[in-house]
Amino acid sequence: MDRPLPGSAHEALESFLGQWSGTTHWEATAWGPARTAVAEVVFARAAAGLAVTMSYRHTDADGVKTEGVGVFTMDPDHPDTLWYHVNSMGLPPEAPARASWNDGTLTIERRSDRGTARHTLRVDDGELTHAAGLRLGSASEFSPFMTTVCRRVPDPAPVGA
């Protein structure tokens, strides 16, 4: 296959492709105090454009790094995008979560027996924003817990330019 199929993840996520750099801010929660970290995010084509990977690294002020990888791919039987995520927290992989588009925002909800995490990703005016909220137990609203804001890292100039 020389090029992605129509409707592939590559086409759907075109505006996300590339390397991004910025900061991530976590709200204070029962798991820890508020904090900010340096964020690096890369979206890249995979599987001849049938998938797009999202890899990220957060580097805290003390040098501790947290890394993760997500894979987006199109479901040929449904118009939604699937998202599968693995991180460096050592937890076993979970089933893929469905993502949906609304006004240029990709929204992913991951459900577990503890509650629901909602992630939203959007690119506006050259800025990537990834926000996440939690709805635990019987709560009716999502509580924000993380916001990453990044700018695209320019491609290096060609050698000899």
Protein backbone atom coordinates (compact mmCIF):
# COMPACT_ATOMS: atom_id res chain seq x y z
CA MET A 1 0.00 0.00 0.00
CA ASP A 2 1.53 3.31 -1.10
CA ARG A 3 -0.84 5.72 0.64
CA PRO A 4 -3.45 5.75 3.40
CA LEU A 5 -6.96 4.59 2.63
CA PRO A 6 -9.69 7.27 2.47
CA GLY A 7 -11.06 7.89 5.94
CA SER A 8 -7.88 6.68 7.60
CA ALA A 9 -6.61 7.91 10.95
CA HIS A 10 -3.92 9.88 9.12
CA GLU A 11 -6.54 12.02 7.37
CA ALA A 12 -8.68 12.46 10.48
CA LEU A 13 -5.73 13.54 12.65
CA GLU A 14 -3.74 15.53 10.06
CA SER A 15 -3.70 18.73 12.16
CA PHE A 16 -2.17 16.85 15.13
CA LEU A 17 0.79 15.35 13.22
CA GLY A 18 4.22 16.57 14.31
CA GLN A 19 6.23 17.36 17.41
CA TRP A 20 4.85 19.62 20.15
CA SER A 21 6.41 21.18 23.25
CA GLY A 22 4.88 23.00 26.21
CA THR A 23 3.68 22.44 29.76
CA THR A 24 1.28 20.20 31.62
CA HIS A 25 -0.48 21.37 34.77
CA TRP A 26 -2.11 18.93 37.18
CA GLU A 27 -4.70 20.14 39.64
CA ALA A 28 -4.37 19.22 43.32
CA THR A 29 -6.18 15.92 43.96
CA ALA A 30 -6.35 13.22 46.59
CA TRP A 31 -3.35 11.64 44.78
CA GLY A 32 -1.06 14.64 45.05
CA PRO A 33 -0.51 18.39 45.07
CA ALA A 34 -0.87 20.66 42.04
CA ARG A 35 2.22 20.65 39.86
CA THR A 36 3.51 21.64 36.44
CA ALA A 37 5.83 19.68 34.15
CA VAL A 38 7.55 20.16 30.81
CA ALA A 39 5.53 18.36 28.13
CA GLU A 40 6.70 16.83 24.87
CA VAL A 41 4.11 15.29 22.54
CA VAL A 42 4.60 13.65 19.14
CA PHE A 43 1.87 12.54 16.76
CA ALA A 44 3.16 10.33 13.91
CA ARG A 45 1.73 8.24 11.10
CA ALA A 46 1.91 4.47 11.56
CA ALA A 47 0.76 1.42 9.62
CA ALA A 48 0.76 3.22 6.24
CA GLY A 49 -1.47 5.95 7.67
CA LEU A 50 -4.09 3.55 9.02
CA ALA A 51 -3.02 4.56 12.53
CA VAL A 52 -1.53 7.58 14.26
CA THR A 53 0.59 7.23 17.38
CA MET A 54 0.61 9.80 20.16
CA SER A 55 3.65 9.61 22.41
CA TYR A 56 4.20 11.94 25.32
CA ARG A 57 6.74 12.65 28.02
CA HIS A 58 6.23 14.78 31.12
CA THR A 59 9.38 15.88 32.95
CA ASP A 60 8.81 17.17 36.48
CA ALA A 61 11.05 19.79 38.10
CA ASP A 62 12.86 17.02 40.02
CA GLY A 63 13.66 15.21 36.75
CA VAL A 64 11.09 12.41 37.12
CA LYS A 65 9.73 11.42 33.72
CA THR A 66 6.33 9.95 32.90
CA GLU A 67 5.84 8.56 29.42
CA GLY A 68 2.98 7.10 27.45
CA VAL A 69 1.90 6.04 24.00
CA GLY A 70 -1.54 6.11 22.45
CA VAL A 71 -2.66 4.69 19.13
CA PHE A 72 -5.55 6.13 17.14
CA THR A 73 -7.10 4.15 14.30
CA MET A 74 -10.35 4.23 12.39
CA ASP A 75 -13.00 1.58 12.92
CA PRO A 76 -14.15 0.55 9.43
CA ASP A 77 -17.63 -0.32 10.74
CA HIS A 78 -18.21 2.94 12.64
CA PRO A 79 -17.34 6.60 11.94
CA ASP A 80 -15.62 6.99 15.30
CA THR A 81 -11.90 6.90 15.96
CA LEU A 82 -10.59 4.27 18.36
CA TRP A 83 -7.95 5.15 20.92
CA TYR A 84 -5.74 2.67 22.69
CA HIS A 85 -3.33 3.86 25.35
CA VAL A 86 -0.38 2.43 27.25
CA ASN A 87 1.65 4.46 29.77
CA SER A 88 4.70 4.07 31.98
CA MET A 89 2.67 3.63 35.18
CA GLY A 90 2.98 -0.16 34.96
CA LEU A 91 -0.73 -0.90 34.72
CA PRO A 92 -1.94 -3.67 32.42
CA PRO A 93 -3.35 -2.55 29.05
CA GLU A 94 -7.03 -1.72 28.91
CA ALA A 95 -9.49 -2.18 26.07
CA PRO A 96 -9.51 0.54 23.40
CA ALA A 97 -11.72 3.53 24.10
CA ARG A 98 -13.88 5.17 21.43
CA ALA A 99 -13.24 8.75 20.48
CA SER A 100 -15.60 11.18 18.79
CA TRP A 101 -15.33 14.52 16.99
CA ASN A 102 -17.34 17.62 17.90
CA ASP A 103 -16.51 21.06 16.46
CA GLY A 104 -12.85 20.13 15.87
CA THR A 105 -12.35 18.57 19.32
CA LEU A 106 -11.44 14.91 19.68
CA THR A 107 -13.04 13.54 22.87
CA ILE A 108 -12.10 10.21 24.43
CA GLU A 109 -13.87 8.72 27.44
CA ARG A 110 -12.23 5.87 29.30
CA ARG A 111 -14.51 4.04 31.73
CA SER A 112 -13.49 1.83 34.63
CA ASP A 113 -15.13 0.51 37.79
CA ARG A 114 -13.87 3.67 39.60
CA GLY A 115 -15.40 6.18 37.17
CA THR A 116 -14.77 7.91 33.84
CA ALA A 117 -11.83 9.92 32.57
CA ARG A 118 -12.59 12.32 29.69
CA HIS A 119 -9.74 13.53 27.48
CA THR A 120 -10.18 16.28 24.90
CA LEU A 121 -7.60 17.18 22.25
CA ARG A 122 -7.79 20.19 19.97
CA VAL A 123 -5.52 22.23 17.72
CA ASP A 124 -6.35 25.95 17.44
CA ASP A 125 -4.11 28.65 15.95
CA GLY A 126 -1.01 26.43 16.16
CA GLU A 127 -1.66 25.42 19.77
CA LEU A 128 -2.38 21.86 20.91
CA THR A 129 -4.52 21.59 24.04
CA HIS A 130 -5.07 18.26 25.81
CA ALA A 131 -7.39 18.53 28.80
CA ALA A 132 -8.59 15.73 31.07
CA GLY A 133 -11.27 15.47 33.71
CA LEU A 134 -12.49 12.77 36.08
CA ARG A 135 -15.96 11.75 37.13
CA LEU A 136 -15.58 9.33 40.03
CA GLY A 137 -18.20 7.18 41.70
CA SER A 138 -21.68 8.73 41.53
CA ALA A 139 -20.47 12.25 40.64
CA SER A 140 -22.53 13.90 37.91
CA GLU A 141 -19.84 16.35 36.71
CA PHE A 142 -16.27 15.97 35.49
CA SER A 143 -13.58 17.58 37.66
CA PRO A 144 -10.61 18.94 35.68
CA PHE A 145 -7.32 17.32 36.68
CA MET A 146 -4.85 17.94 33.83
CA THR A 147 -4.26 20.47 31.05
CA THR A 148 -1.42 20.32 28.54
CA VAL A 149 -0.80 23.28 26.23
CA CYS A 150 1.87 22.97 23.53
CA ARG A 151 3.14 24.74 20.44
CA ARG A 152 4.41 22.90 17.38
CA VAL A 153 8.19 22.42 17.28
CA PRO A 154 9.49 23.66 13.91
CA ASP A 155 11.06 21.07 11.64
CA PRO A 156 14.85 21.46 11.52
CA ALA A 157 16.25 23.31 8.51
CA PRO A 158 17.62 21.02 5.77
CA VAL A 159 21.39 20.53 5.81
CA GLY A 160 23.06 23.10 3.59
CA ALA A 161 20.08 25.48 3.61
